[in-house]
């Protein structure tokens, strides 16, 4: 089912009304969407005397403005989820997809987007004293000031192992400072239509004013999946490499994926191949997971579960969503 809200119809009608009464001779008229709305506006392009066209911001993405249920999926109150057919632009399931949640390490999808867009895989990153994460149970590589690695290596540790100290190193290396990088994350979120999202850090550890929605996570995963390196990394079950300390000594590191489907500990339904995804867990966020999967014809699907009560429930809910893939 493809859902187009009444607000979209209203916006489209309003634009046609404006076009009808503003005369001819304009071209490339931009009507930007509002960052204060969860549904974006339309942009007029190539407006000429003999031709009127509209290019919808949402023409290449799934759109949904209400819950879409299915008897095969039993996600309880307080847990949110969605299944999006990226190629067909259909929403197969949606529950609380526009409600705000703490994203935990799902944040790192946007960290990767900004790094891939504004950095280069071979650029060298150096850890500063800011990489020390104070939370005692946070996932880290235990980086030390002066440690060096390429952005390619750092992205593997970020997405496969979900290392929070690596997120800091990437932010400072690509953005110049954590604050500037976070500003870039928020700008990129608005640019892709994720207007119900605000980031306060690059790793996802709990912080005030750091939130997103399942629908916005769909938009972010959809954007990230356009990068070949991102897809390659999230499909890896493990990663082994050598980086260097401040004195130039080699430091070897091997990490395994936090994604149980990629580890092989959980099985997707028949006919569904899990390309990969991103996990996230904090006390505030609960257990979260975003996946990119493909059907037997290699059509892409994006699925999201946020705020599951336990890891076991998280994968149970996710498998029930994947069971809806045609």
C-alpha atoms as a PDB file:
ATOM      1  CA  UNK A   1       0.000   0.000   0.000  1.00  0.00           C
ATOM      2  CA  UNK A   2       1.375   3.378  -0.971  1.00  0.00           C
ATOM      3  CA  UNK A   3       0.110   6.100   1.323  1.00  0.00           C
ATOM      4  CA  UNK A   4      -0.133   9.747   0.242  1.00  0.00           C
ATOM      5  CA  UNK A   5      -1.570  12.020   2.923  1.00  0.00           C
ATOM      6  CA  UNK A   6      -4.238  14.673   2.543  1.00  0.00           C
ATOM      7  CA  UNK A   7      -1.540  17.220   3.369  1.00  0.00           C
ATOM      8  CA  UNK A   8       0.335  16.221   0.230  1.00  0.00           C
ATOM      9  CA  UNK A   9      -2.829  16.608  -1.863  1.00  0.00           C
ATOM     10  CA  UNK A  10      -3.448  20.011  -0.311  1.00  0.00           C
ATOM     11  CA  UNK A  11       0.117  21.155  -1.018  1.00  0.00           C
ATOM     12  CA  UNK A  12      -0.076  19.963  -4.607  1.00  0.00           C
ATOM     13  CA  UNK A  13      -3.390  21.758  -5.169  1.00  0.00           C
ATOM     14  CA  UNK A  14      -1.977  24.932  -3.655  1.00  0.00           C
ATOM     15  CA  UNK A  15       1.004  24.848  -5.996  1.00  0.00           C
ATOM     16  CA  UNK A  16      -1.199  24.355  -9.057  1.00  0.00           C
ATOM     17  CA  UNK A  17      -3.288  27.337  -7.888  1.00  0.00           C
ATOM     18  CA  UNK A  18      -0.147  29.467  -7.535  1.00  0.00           C
ATOM     19  CA  UNK A  19       1.121  28.414 -10.957  1.00  0.00           C
ATOM     20  CA  UNK A  20      -2.210  29.317 -12.564  1.00  0.00           C
ATOM     21  CA  UNK A  21      -2.101  32.903 -11.287  1.00  0.00           C
ATOM     22  CA  UNK A  22       1.549  33.883 -11.415  1.00  0.00           C
ATOM     23  CA  UNK A  23       1.846  34.120 -15.190  1.00  0.00           C
ATOM     24  CA  UNK A  24       4.623  32.697 -17.353  1.00  0.00           C
ATOM     25  CA  UNK A  25       8.304  33.324 -17.695  1.00  0.00           C
ATOM     26  CA  UNK A  26       9.582  31.800 -14.444  1.00  0.00           C
ATOM     27  CA  UNK A  27      11.987  28.859 -14.345  1.00  0.00           C
ATOM     28  CA  UNK A  28      13.510  26.720 -11.606  1.00  0.00           C
ATOM     29  CA  UNK A  29      11.158  28.060  -8.959  1.00  0.00           C
ATOM     30  CA  UNK A  30      12.104  26.448  -5.636  1.00  0.00           C
ATOM     31  CA  UNK A  31       9.557  25.933  -2.888  1.00  0.00           C
ATOM     32  CA  UNK A  32      11.634  24.282  -0.124  1.00  0.00           C
ATOM     33  CA  UNK A  33       9.996  21.996   2.372  1.00  0.00           C
ATOM     34  CA  UNK A  34       9.658  23.169   5.933  1.00  0.00           C
ATOM     35  CA  UNK A  35      12.009  21.782   8.560  1.00  0.00           C
ATOM     36  CA  UNK A  36       9.154  22.203  11.031  1.00  0.00           C
ATOM     37  CA  UNK A  37       6.875  19.767   9.210  1.00  0.00           C
ATOM     38  CA  UNK A  38       7.048  15.997   9.060  1.00  0.00           C
ATOM     39  CA  UNK A  39       5.763  16.069   5.494  1.00  0.00           C
ATOM     40  CA  UNK A  40       7.676  18.019   2.883  1.00  0.00           C
ATOM     41  CA  UNK A  41       6.462  20.422   0.214  1.00  0.00           C
ATOM     42  CA  UNK A  42       6.847  20.317  -3.547  1.00  0.00           C
ATOM     43  CA  UNK A  43       9.414  21.915  -5.801  1.00  0.00           C
ATOM     44  CA  UNK A  44       8.485  23.433  -9.159  1.00  0.00           C
ATOM     45  CA  UNK A  45      10.934  22.884 -12.004  1.00  0.00           C
ATOM     46  CA  UNK A  46      11.138  23.938 -15.642  1.00  0.00           C
ATOM     47  CA  UNK A  47       8.073  26.144 -15.527  1.00  0.00           C
ATOM     48  CA  UNK A  48       7.511  27.570 -18.990  1.00  0.00           C
ATOM     49  CA  UNK A  49       4.634  29.134 -20.912  1.00  0.00           C
ATOM     50  CA  UNK A  50       3.790  25.871 -22.620  1.00  0.00           C
ATOM     51  CA  UNK A  51       4.846  23.419 -19.954  1.00  0.00           C
ATOM     52  CA  UNK A  52       4.051  23.064 -16.267  1.00  0.00           C
ATOM     53  CA  UNK A  53       5.749  20.322 -14.267  1.00  0.00           C
ATOM     54  CA  UNK A  54       6.126  19.499 -10.619  1.00  0.00           C
ATOM     55  CA  UNK A  55       8.846  17.400  -9.069  1.00  0.00           C
ATOM     56  CA  UNK A  56       7.753  15.922  -5.758  1.00  0.00           C
ATOM     57  CA  UNK A  57      10.335  15.726  -3.012  1.00  0.00           C
ATOM     58  CA  UNK A  58       8.754  12.381  -2.094  1.00  0.00           C
ATOM     59  CA  UNK A  59       8.645  10.986  -5.625  1.00  0.00           C
ATOM     60  CA  UNK A  60      11.501   8.538  -4.943  1.00  0.00           C
ATOM     61  CA  UNK A  61      10.780   7.536  -1.362  1.00  0.00           C
ATOM     62  CA  UNK A  62       8.087   5.741   0.617  1.00  0.00           C
ATOM     63  CA  UNK A  63       5.508   8.015   2.235  1.00  0.00           C
ATOM     64  CA  UNK A  64       3.226   7.148   5.134  1.00  0.00           C
ATOM     65  CA  UNK A  65       1.109   9.254   7.484  1.00  0.00           C
ATOM     66  CA  UNK A  66      -0.668   6.588   9.523  1.00  0.00           C
ATOM     67  CA  UNK A  67      -0.188   3.144  11.024  1.00  0.00           C
ATOM     68  CA  UNK A  68      -0.414   0.200   8.631  1.00  0.00           C
ATOM     69  CA  UNK A  69      -1.034  -3.061  10.446  1.00  0.00           C
ATOM     70  CA  UNK A  70      -0.747  -6.704   9.495  1.00  0.00           C
ATOM     71  CA  UNK A  71      -2.034  -9.703  11.434  1.00  0.00           C
ATOM     72  CA  UNK A  72       1.313 -11.452  10.985  1.00  0.00           C
ATOM     73  CA  UNK A  73       3.087  -8.774  13.028  1.00  0.00           C
ATOM     74  CA  UNK A  74       2.433  -8.354  16.745  1.00  0.00           C
ATOM     75  CA  UNK A  75       4.498  -5.418  17.957  1.00  0.00           C
ATOM     76  CA  UNK A  76       3.299  -4.207  21.375  1.00  0.00           C
ATOM     77  CA  UNK A  77       2.556  -0.694  22.535  1.00  0.00           C
ATOM     78  CA  UNK A  78       5.704   1.308  23.144  1.00  0.00           C
ATOM     79  CA  UNK A  79       7.661  -0.478  20.409  1.00  0.00           C
ATOM     80  CA  UNK A  80       7.811   1.006  16.900  1.00  0.00           C
ATOM     81  CA  UNK A  81       8.490  -0.596  13.561  1.00  0.00           C
ATOM     82  CA  UNK A  82       8.282  -0.201   9.813  1.00  0.00           C
ATOM     83  CA  UNK A  83       8.887  -2.108   6.596  1.00  0.00           C
ATOM     84  CA  UNK A  84       9.558  -0.130   3.421  1.00  0.00           C
ATOM     85  CA  UNK A  85       9.732  -1.403  -0.157  1.00  0.00           C
ATOM     86  CA  UNK A  86      12.464   0.882  -1.473  1.00  0.00           C
ATOM     87  CA  UNK A  87      12.032   0.073  -5.164  1.00  0.00           C
ATOM     88  CA  UNK A  88       8.240  -0.014  -5.264  1.00  0.00           C
ATOM     89  CA  UNK A  89       8.046   2.889  -2.779  1.00  0.00           C
ATOM     90  CA  UNK A  90       5.381   1.025  -0.817  1.00  0.00           C
ATOM     91  CA  UNK A  91       4.964   0.923   2.951  1.00  0.00           C
ATOM     92  CA  UNK A  92       4.165  -2.646   3.977  1.00  0.00           C
ATOM     93  CA  UNK A  93       3.977  -2.026   7.723  1.00  0.00           C
ATOM     94  CA  UNK A  94       4.098   1.021   9.964  1.00  0.00           C
ATOM     95  CA  UNK A  95       3.654   1.423  13.700  1.00  0.00           C
ATOM     96  CA  UNK A  96       4.445   4.706  15.453  1.00  0.00           C
ATOM     97  CA  UNK A  97       6.893   5.572  12.677  1.00  0.00           C
ATOM     98  CA  UNK A  98       6.585   9.331  13.262  1.00  0.00           C
ATOM     99  CA  UNK A  99       7.053   9.172  17.041  1.00  0.00           C
ATOM    100  CA  UNK A 100      10.329  10.352  18.558  1.00  0.00           C
ATOM    101  CA  UNK A 101      12.735   7.884  20.145  1.00  0.00           C
ATOM    102  CA  UNK A 102      16.311   7.858  21.372  1.00  0.00           C
ATOM    103  CA  UNK A 103      18.237   6.220  18.488  1.00  0.00           C
ATOM    104  CA  UNK A 104      21.253   4.835  20.373  1.00  0.00           C
ATOM    105  CA  UNK A 105      23.872   3.622  17.871  1.00  0.00           C
ATOM    106  CA  UNK A 106      21.483   3.869  14.928  1.00  0.00           C
ATOM    107  CA  UNK A 107      22.926   7.396  15.027  1.00  0.00           C
ATOM    108  CA  UNK A 108      26.068   5.987  13.424  1.00  0.00           C
ATOM    109  CA  UNK A 109      24.234   5.567  10.115  1.00  0.00           C
ATOM    110  CA  UNK A 110      24.145   9.350   9.807  1.00  0.00           C
ATOM    111  CA  UNK A 111      27.737   9.553  11.039  1.00  0.00           C
ATOM    112  CA  UNK A 112      28.674   7.257   8.155  1.00  0.00           C
ATOM    113  CA  UNK A 113      26.638   9.266   5.633  1.00  0.00           C
ATOM    114  CA  UNK A 114      28.401  12.515   6.520  1.00  0.00           C
ATOM    115  CA  UNK A 115      31.825  10.821   6.556  1.00  0.00           C
ATOM    116  CA  UNK A 116      31.254   9.188   3.175  1.00  0.00           C
ATOM    117  CA  UNK A 117      29.906  12.390   1.648  1.00  0.00           C
ATOM    118  CA  UNK A 118      32.538  14.800   2.923  1.00  0.00           C
ATOM    119  CA  UNK A 119      35.558  12.561   3.545  1.00  0.00           C
ATOM    120  CA  UNK A 120      37.584  10.087   1.503  1.00  0.00           C
ATOM    121  CA  UNK A 121      38.231   6.453   2.327  1.00  0.00           C
ATOM    122  CA  UNK A 122      41.996   6.909   2.373  1.00  0.00           C
ATOM    123  CA  UNK A 123      42.137  10.045   4.526  1.00  0.00           C
ATOM    124  CA  UNK A 124      44.126   9.557   7.717  1.00  0.00           C
ATOM    125  CA  UNK A 125      42.422  10.134  11.066  1.00  0.00           C
ATOM    126  CA  UNK A 126      44.184  10.778  14.369  1.00  0.00           C
ATOM    127  CA  UNK A 127      42.582  10.197  17.752  1.00  0.00           C
ATOM    128  CA  UNK A 128      42.550  13.133  20.171  1.00  0.00           C
ATOM    129  CA  UNK A 129      42.050  13.066  23.926  1.00  0.00           C
ATOM    130  CA  UNK A 130      38.305  13.406  23.271  1.00  0.00           C
ATOM    131  CA  UNK A 131      38.035   9.752  22.244  1.00  0.00           C
ATOM    132  CA  UNK A 132      37.878   8.664  25.879  1.00  0.00           C
ATOM    133  CA  UNK A 133      34.226   7.715  26.524  1.00  0.00           C
ATOM    134  CA  UNK A 134      33.208   8.140  30.191  1.00  0.00           C
ATOM    135  CA  UNK A 135      30.341   5.603  30.172  1.00  0.00           C
ATOM    136  CA  UNK A 136      31.745   2.429  31.711  1.00  0.00           C
ATOM    137  CA  UNK A 137      29.660   0.035  29.595  1.00  0.00           C
ATOM    138  CA  UNK A 138      29.919   1.856  26.258  1.00  0.00           C
ATOM    139  CA  UNK A 139      31.218  -0.113  23.275  1.00  0.00           C
ATOM    140  CA  UNK A 140      34.740   1.139  22.518  1.00  0.00           C
ATOM    141  CA  UNK A 141      37.994   0.085  20.861  1.00  0.00           C
ATOM    142  CA  UNK A 142      39.908   1.756  23.682  1.00  0.00           C
ATOM    143  CA  UNK A 143      41.604   4.186  21.334  1.00  0.00           C
ATOM    144  CA  UNK A 144      44.477   6.224  22.738  1.00  0.00           C
ATOM    145  CA  UNK A 145      45.403   9.805  21.781  1.00  0.00           C
ATOM    146  CA  UNK A 146      47.651   9.706  18.743  1.00  0.00           C
ATOM    147  CA  UNK A 147      46.270   6.433  17.353  1.00  0.00           C
ATOM    148  CA  UNK A 148      45.922   6.647  13.569  1.00  0.00           C
ATOM    149  CA  UNK A 149      43.882   4.844  10.938  1.00  0.00           C
ATOM    150  CA  UNK A 150      42.216   5.594   7.616  1.00  0.00           C
ATOM    151  CA  UNK A 151      38.570   6.600   7.334  1.00  0.00           C
ATOM    152  CA  UNK A 152      37.940   3.259   5.619  1.00  0.00           C
ATOM    153  CA  UNK A 153      39.219   1.399   8.686  1.00  0.00           C
ATOM    154  CA  UNK A 154      37.307   3.683  11.034  1.00  0.00           C
ATOM    155  CA  UNK A 155      34.023   3.144   9.169  1.00  0.00           C
ATOM    156  CA  UNK A 156      34.453  -0.618   9.518  1.00  0.00           C
ATOM    157  CA  UNK A 157      34.886  -0.266  13.290  1.00  0.00           C
ATOM    158  CA  UNK A 158      31.985   2.198  13.434  1.00  0.00           C
ATOM    159  CA  UNK A 159      29.441   0.082  11.565  1.00  0.00           C
ATOM    160  CA  UNK A 160      30.508  -3.481  12.338  1.00  0.00           C
ATOM    161  CA  UNK A 161      31.560  -3.117  15.963  1.00  0.00           C
ATOM    162  CA  UNK A 162      29.698   0.129  16.792  1.00  0.00           C
ATOM    163  CA  UNK A 163      32.739   1.656  18.502  1.00  0.00           C
ATOM    164  CA  UNK A 164      31.778   4.942  20.138  1.00  0.00           C
ATOM    165  CA  UNK A 165      35.327   6.278  20.438  1.00  0.00           C
ATOM    166  CA  UNK A 166      35.783   5.746  16.698  1.00  0.00           C
ATOM    167  CA  UNK A 167      32.717   7.917  16.085  1.00  0.00           C
ATOM    168  CA  UNK A 168      34.482  10.754  17.910  1.00  0.00           C
ATOM    169  CA  UNK A 169      37.632  10.286  15.845  1.00  0.00           C
ATOM    170  CA  UNK A 170      35.625  10.342  12.605  1.00  0.00           C
ATOM    171  CA  UNK A 171      33.733  13.456  13.680  1.00  0.00           C
ATOM    172  CA  UNK A 172      36.893  15.386  14.480  1.00  0.00           C
ATOM    173  CA  UNK A 173      38.737  14.141  11.403  1.00  0.00           C
ATOM    174  CA  UNK A 174      35.990  14.891   8.898  1.00  0.00           C
ATOM    175  CA  UNK A 175      34.273  17.835  10.547  1.00  0.00           C
ATOM    176  CA  UNK A 176      37.219  19.527  12.232  1.00  0.00           C
ATOM    177  CA  UNK A 177      35.432  19.370  15.573  1.00  0.00           C
ATOM    178  CA  UNK A 178      32.671  17.329  17.167  1.00  0.00           C
ATOM    179  CA  UNK A 179      30.386  20.361  17.239  1.00  0.00           C
ATOM    180  CA  UNK A 180      30.836  21.128  13.549  1.00  0.00           C
ATOM    181  CA  UNK A 181      30.389  17.502  12.545  1.00  0.00           C
ATOM    182  CA  UNK A 182      27.141  17.243  14.541  1.00  0.00           C
ATOM    183  CA  UNK A 183      25.954  20.399  12.776  1.00  0.00           C
ATOM    184  CA  UNK A 184      26.727  18.671   9.465  1.00  0.00           C
ATOM    185  CA  UNK A 185      24.716  15.645  10.615  1.00  0.00           C
ATOM    186  CA  UNK A 186      21.698  17.815  11.364  1.00  0.00           C
ATOM    187  CA  UNK A 187      22.003  19.650   8.055  1.00  0.00           C
ATOM    188  CA  UNK A 188      22.189  16.353   6.191  1.00  0.00           C
ATOM    189  CA  UNK A 189      19.141  15.062   8.071  1.00  0.00           C
ATOM    190  CA  UNK A 190      17.100  18.040   6.894  1.00  0.00           C
ATOM    191  CA  UNK A 191      18.458  17.674   3.357  1.00  0.00           C
ATOM    192  CA  UNK A 192      17.132  14.116   3.050  1.00  0.00           C
ATOM    193  CA  UNK A 193      13.782  14.983   4.639  1.00  0.00           C
ATOM    194  CA  UNK A 194      14.456  13.630   8.132  1.00  0.00           C
ATOM    195  CA  UNK A 195      12.929  16.718   9.711  1.00  0.00           C
ATOM    196  CA  UNK A 196      11.859  15.016  12.956  1.00  0.00           C
ATOM    197  CA  UNK A 197      15.466  14.229  13.866  1.00  0.00           C
ATOM    198  CA  UNK A 198      18.029  16.114  15.912  1.00  0.00           C
ATOM    199  CA  UNK A 199      21.512  14.893  16.777  1.00  0.00           C
ATOM    200  CA  UNK A 200      23.613  16.037  19.726  1.00  0.00           C
ATOM    201  CA  UNK A 201      26.579  13.691  19.201  1.00  0.00           C
ATOM    202  CA  UNK A 202      28.041  11.373  16.533  1.00  0.00           C
ATOM    203  CA  UNK A 203      27.762   8.082  18.436  1.00  0.00           C
ATOM    204  CA  UNK A 204      24.262   7.873  19.931  1.00  0.00           C
ATOM    205  CA  UNK A 205      25.005   7.611  23.617  1.00  0.00           C
ATOM    206  CA  UNK A 206      22.110   9.123  25.555  1.00  0.00           C
ATOM    207  CA  UNK A 207      22.071  12.913  25.539  1.00  0.00           C
ATOM    208  CA  UNK A 208      19.416  15.615  25.758  1.00  0.00           C
ATOM    209  CA  UNK A 209      17.986  16.799  22.427  1.00  0.00           C
ATOM    210  CA  UNK A 210      19.154  13.669  20.617  1.00  0.00           C
ATOM    211  CA  UNK A 211      16.247  11.908  18.933  1.00  0.00           C
ATOM    212  CA  UNK A 212      14.806  10.555  15.706  1.00  0.00           C
ATOM    213  CA  UNK A 213      11.819   8.593  14.385  1.00  0.00           C
ATOM    214  CA  UNK A 214      11.576   5.197  12.692  1.00  0.00           C
ATOM    215  CA  UNK A 215      10.511   6.921   9.467  1.00  0.00           C
ATOM    216  CA  UNK A 216      13.523   9.220   9.574  1.00  0.00           C
ATOM    217  CA  UNK A 217      15.723   6.171  10.158  1.00  0.00           C
ATOM    218  CA  UNK A 218      14.252   4.700   6.969  1.00  0.00           C
ATOM    219  CA  UNK A 219      15.266   7.877   5.135  1.00  0.00           C
ATOM    220  CA  UNK A 220      18.782   7.688   6.563  1.00  0.00           C
ATOM    221  CA  UNK A 221      19.226   4.008   5.725  1.00  0.00           C
ATOM    222  CA  UNK A 222      17.876   4.672   2.252  1.00  0.00           C
ATOM    223  CA  UNK A 223      20.463   7.431   1.782  1.00  0.00           C
ATOM    224  CA  UNK A 224      23.336   5.411   3.258  1.00  0.00           C
ATOM    225  CA  UNK A 225      22.581   2.439   1.012  1.00  0.00           C
ATOM    226  CA  UNK A 226      23.463   4.581  -2.011  1.00  0.00           C
ATOM    227  CA  UNK A 227      27.120   4.252  -0.982  1.00  0.00           C
ATOM    228  CA  UNK A 228      28.796   1.038  -2.143  1.00  0.00           C
ATOM    229  CA  UNK A 229      31.299   1.075   0.722  1.00  0.00           C
ATOM    230  CA  UNK A 230      28.503   1.329   3.287  1.00  0.00           C
ATOM    231  CA  UNK A 231      26.751  -1.754   1.853  1.00  0.00           C
ATOM    232  CA  UNK A 232      30.032  -3.642   1.728  1.00  0.00           C
ATOM    233  CA  UNK A 233      30.816  -2.877   5.364  1.00  0.00           C
ATOM    234  CA  UNK A 234      27.406  -3.717   6.841  1.00  0.00           C
ATOM    235  CA  UNK A 235      27.479  -7.089   5.061  1.00  0.00           C
ATOM    236  CA  UNK A 236      30.735  -8.084   6.804  1.00  0.00           C
ATOM    237  CA  UNK A 237      30.500 -10.502   9.730  1.00  0.00           C
ATOM    238  CA  UNK A 238      33.978  -9.587  10.996  1.00  0.00           C
ATOM    239  CA  UNK A 239      36.872  -7.235  10.334  1.00  0.00           C
ATOM    240  CA  UNK A 240      40.585  -7.532  10.989  1.00  0.00           C
ATOM    241  CA  UNK A 241      43.124  -4.793  10.386  1.00  0.00           C
ATOM    242  CA  UNK A 242      46.275  -3.086  11.618  1.00  0.00           C
ATOM    243  CA  UNK A 243      46.467   0.575  12.616  1.00  0.00           C
ATOM    244  CA  UNK A 244      49.174   2.587  14.381  1.00  0.00           C
ATOM    245  CA  UNK A 245      49.764   4.237  17.733  1.00  0.00           C
ATOM    246  CA  UNK A 246      51.311   7.680  18.276  1.00  0.00           C
ATOM    247  CA  UNK A 247      54.823   6.238  18.043  1.00  0.00           C
ATOM    248  CA  UNK A 248      54.105   4.446  14.773  1.00  0.00           C
ATOM    249  CA  UNK A 249      53.855   0.976  16.308  1.00  0.00           C
ATOM    250  CA  UNK A 250      51.404  -1.461  14.783  1.00  0.00           C
ATOM    251  CA  UNK A 251      48.193  -2.288  16.647  1.00  0.00           C
ATOM    252  CA  UNK A 252      46.138  -5.199  15.340  1.00  0.00           C
ATOM    253  CA  UNK A 253      42.406  -5.466  15.953  1.00  0.00           C
ATOM    254  CA  UNK A 254      39.700  -7.976  15.066  1.00  0.00           C
ATOM    255  CA  UNK A 255      36.006  -7.271  15.635  1.00  0.00           C
ATOM    256  CA  UNK A 256      32.786  -9.164  14.924  1.00  0.00           C
ATOM    257  CA  UNK A 257      29.445  -7.821  13.781  1.00  0.00           C
ATOM    258  CA  UNK A 258      26.858  -6.895  16.407  1.00  0.00           C
ATOM    259  CA  UNK A 259      24.102  -7.931  13.953  1.00  0.00           C
ATOM    260  CA  UNK A 260      22.842 -11.433  14.773  1.00  0.00           C
ATOM    261  CA  UNK A 261      21.552 -11.992  11.230  1.00  0.00           C
ATOM    262  CA  UNK A 262      25.011 -11.269   9.839  1.00  0.00           C
ATOM    263  CA  UNK A 263      26.625 -13.380  12.567  1.00  0.00           C
ATOM    264  CA  UNK A 264      24.402 -16.285  11.532  1.00  0.00           C
ATOM    265  CA  UNK A 265      22.816 -16.598  14.990  1.00  0.00           C
ATOM    266  CA  UNK A 266      19.428 -15.504  13.634  1.00  0.00           C
ATOM    267  CA  UNK A 267      17.883 -16.574  10.345  1.00  0.00           C
ATOM    268  CA  UNK A 268      15.788 -14.379   8.073  1.00  0.00           C
ATOM    269  CA  UNK A 269      12.604 -15.882   6.585  1.00  0.00           C
ATOM    270  CA  UNK A 270      12.923 -17.936   3.410  1.00  0.00           C
ATOM    271  CA  UNK A 271      13.427 -15.802   0.313  1.00  0.00           C
ATOM    272  CA  UNK A 272      14.882 -12.848   2.223  1.00  0.00           C
ATOM    273  CA  UNK A 273      18.588 -12.014   2.247  1.00  0.00           C
ATOM    274  CA  UNK A 274      19.784  -9.612   4.913  1.00  0.00           C
ATOM    275  CA  UNK A 275      22.435  -7.366   3.366  1.00  0.00           C
ATOM    276  CA  UNK A 276      23.235  -5.821   6.729  1.00  0.00           C
ATOM    277  CA  UNK A 277      22.230  -3.042   9.053  1.00  0.00           C
ATOM    278  CA  UNK A 278      22.919  -1.281  12.306  1.00  0.00           C
ATOM    279  CA  UNK A 279      22.137  -2.223  15.872  1.00  0.00           C
ATOM    280  CA  UNK A 280      21.669   0.144  18.797  1.00  0.00           C
ATOM    281  CA  UNK A 281      21.099  -0.356  22.515  1.00  0.00           C
ATOM    282  CA  UNK A 282      20.942   1.975  25.501  1.00  0.00           C
ATOM    283  CA  UNK A 283      18.690   2.115  28.543  1.00  0.00           C
ATOM    284  CA  UNK A 284      16.856   5.084  27.042  1.00  0.00           C
ATOM    285  CA  UNK A 285      16.527   3.648  23.535  1.00  0.00           C
ATOM    286  CA  UNK A 286      15.901   0.003  24.341  1.00  0.00           C
ATOM    287  CA  UNK A 287      16.969  -2.446  21.647  1.00  0.00           C
ATOM    288  CA  UNK A 288      16.964  -1.085  18.080  1.00  0.00           C
ATOM    289  CA  UNK A 289      17.781  -2.456  14.650  1.00  0.00           C
ATOM    290  CA  UNK A 290      17.681  -1.142  11.081  1.00  0.00           C
ATOM    291  CA  UNK A 291      18.169  -3.583   8.214  1.00  0.00           C
ATOM    292  CA  UNK A 292      18.677  -3.485   4.474  1.00  0.00           C
ATOM    293  CA  UNK A 293      17.401  -6.716   2.915  1.00  0.00           C
ATOM    294  CA  UNK A 294      16.641  -8.070  -0.554  1.00  0.00           C
ATOM    295  CA  UNK A 295      13.982 -10.394  -1.916  1.00  0.00           C
ATOM    296  CA  UNK A 296      14.562 -13.203  -4.436  1.00  0.00           C
ATOM    297  CA  UNK A 297      14.648 -10.637  -7.264  1.00  0.00           C
ATOM    298  CA  UNK A 298      17.210  -8.471  -5.406  1.00  0.00           C
ATOM    299  CA  UNK A 299      14.651  -5.744  -4.712  1.00  0.00           C
ATOM    300  CA  UNK A 300      15.672  -3.716  -1.623  1.00  0.00           C
ATOM    301  CA  UNK A 301      13.629  -3.447   1.581  1.00  0.00           C
ATOM    302  CA  UNK A 302      14.382  -1.398   4.682  1.00  0.00           C
ATOM    303  CA  UNK A 303      13.013  -2.496   8.053  1.00  0.00           C
ATOM    304  CA  UNK A 304      13.206  -0.814  11.432  1.00  0.00           C
ATOM    305  CA  UNK A 305      12.449  -1.836  15.009  1.00  0.00           C
ATOM    306  CA  UNK A 306      12.941   0.687  17.805  1.00  0.00           C
ATOM    307  CA  UNK A 307      12.610   0.395  21.568  1.00  0.00           C
ATOM    308  CA  UNK A 308      12.192  -3.381  21.816  1.00  0.00           C
ATOM    309  CA  UNK A 309      12.226  -4.649  25.401  1.00  0.00           C
ATOM    310  CA  UNK A 310      14.916  -7.315  24.948  1.00  0.00           C
ATOM    311  CA  UNK A 311      17.363  -8.451  22.291  1.00  0.00           C
ATOM    312  CA  UNK A 312      15.347 -11.626  21.777  1.00  0.00           C
ATOM    313  CA  UNK A 313      12.169  -9.627  21.215  1.00  0.00           C
ATOM    314  CA  UNK A 314      14.015  -7.295  18.862  1.00  0.00           C
ATOM    315  CA  UNK A 315      14.900 -10.106  16.483  1.00  0.00           C
ATOM    316  CA  UNK A 316      11.508 -11.750  16.859  1.00  0.00           C
ATOM    317  CA  UNK A 317       9.749  -8.523  15.838  1.00  0.00           C
ATOM    318  CA  UNK A 318      12.210  -7.962  13.011  1.00  0.00           C
ATOM    319  CA  UNK A 319      11.755 -11.464  11.606  1.00  0.00           C
ATOM    320  CA  UNK A 320       7.982 -10.972  11.630  1.00  0.00           C
ATOM    321  CA  UNK A 321       8.476  -7.815   9.555  1.00  0.00           C
ATOM    322  CA  UNK A 322      10.793  -9.588   7.106  1.00  0.00           C
ATOM    323  CA  UNK A 323       8.152 -12.290   6.736  1.00  0.00           C
ATOM    324  CA  UNK A 324       5.999  -9.660   4.987  1.00  0.00           C
ATOM    325  CA  UNK A 325       8.511  -9.256   2.140  1.00  0.00           C
ATOM    326  CA  UNK A 326       6.681 -10.558  -0.956  1.00  0.00           C
END
